[in-house]
Amino acid sequence: MLDEIARRGTAILLVEQKLTIALIISRRLYVMGHGRIVFEGTPAELAANGAIRKEWLEV
């Protein structure tokens, strides 16, 4: 349903803890840490940024 809404040109703000879901449906991603944005970019840019993934997303 989110894909259909986005196709109609409506912007969606999705707050999601499961990265796999966010990577599938997002065109842009923002990663927040300690109350500030520590990354902003496309899913491909996040996949290429090992430092951000390691510090903020991996357990």
Protein backbone atom coordinates (compact mmCIF):
# COMPACT_ATOMS: atom_id res chain seq x y z
CA MET A 1 0.00 0.00 0.00
CA LEU A 2 2.90 2.40 0.77
CA ASP A 3 4.27 1.85 -2.74
CA GLU A 4 0.92 2.81 -4.26
CA ILE A 5 0.67 5.97 -2.14
CA ALA A 6 4.21 6.99 -3.14
CA ARG A 7 3.45 6.28 -6.83
CA ARG A 8 0.63 8.82 -6.58
CA GLY A 9 3.20 11.47 -5.61
CA THR A 10 2.49 11.68 -1.89
CA ALA A 11 5.53 11.92 0.38
CA ILE A 12 5.63 9.42 3.24
CA LEU A 13 7.54 9.70 6.48
CA LEU A 14 8.14 6.18 7.76
CA VAL A 15 9.79 5.56 11.10
CA GLU A 16 10.96 1.95 11.05
CA GLN A 17 13.36 -0.03 13.19
CA LYS A 18 13.63 -2.94 10.75
CA LEU A 19 16.24 -1.84 8.23
CA THR A 20 15.31 -4.52 5.69
CA ILE A 21 11.81 -3.05 5.35
CA ALA A 22 13.11 0.50 5.06
CA LEU A 23 15.67 -0.48 2.39
CA ILE A 24 13.01 -2.11 0.23
CA ILE A 25 10.47 0.71 0.16
CA SER A 26 12.52 3.89 0.65
CA ARG A 27 14.01 6.24 -1.89
CA ARG A 28 15.86 8.22 0.79
CA LEU A 29 16.93 7.19 4.27
CA TYR A 30 17.85 9.10 7.39
CA VAL A 31 19.62 7.43 10.29
CA MET A 32 19.29 9.12 13.66
CA GLY A 33 21.59 8.66 16.62
CA HIS A 34 21.47 10.47 19.94
CA GLY A 35 18.78 12.83 18.67
CA ARG A 36 20.53 13.95 15.48
CA ILE A 37 20.72 12.81 11.87
CA VAL A 38 23.98 10.91 11.37
CA PHE A 39 23.30 9.78 7.79
CA GLU A 40 21.11 10.92 4.92
CA GLY A 41 21.08 9.32 1.49
CA THR A 42 19.76 6.58 -0.75
CA PRO A 43 19.58 2.90 0.16
CA ALA A 44 22.56 2.29 -2.16
CA GLU A 45 24.60 4.99 -0.41
CA LEU A 46 23.81 3.44 2.96
CA ALA A 47 24.81 0.00 1.70
CA ALA A 48 28.16 1.48 0.60
CA ASN A 49 28.77 3.27 3.92
CA GLY A 50 30.22 0.59 6.19
CA ALA A 51 31.14 3.04 8.94
CA ILE A 52 27.56 4.23 9.47
CA ARG A 53 26.18 0.70 9.29
CA LYS A 54 28.72 -0.56 11.80
CA GLU A 55 28.34 2.28 14.30
CA TRP A 56 24.59 2.84 14.17
CA LEU A 57 22.80 -0.15 12.65
CA GLU A 58 24.59 -3.39 13.43
CA VAL A 59 24.24 -5.23 16.69
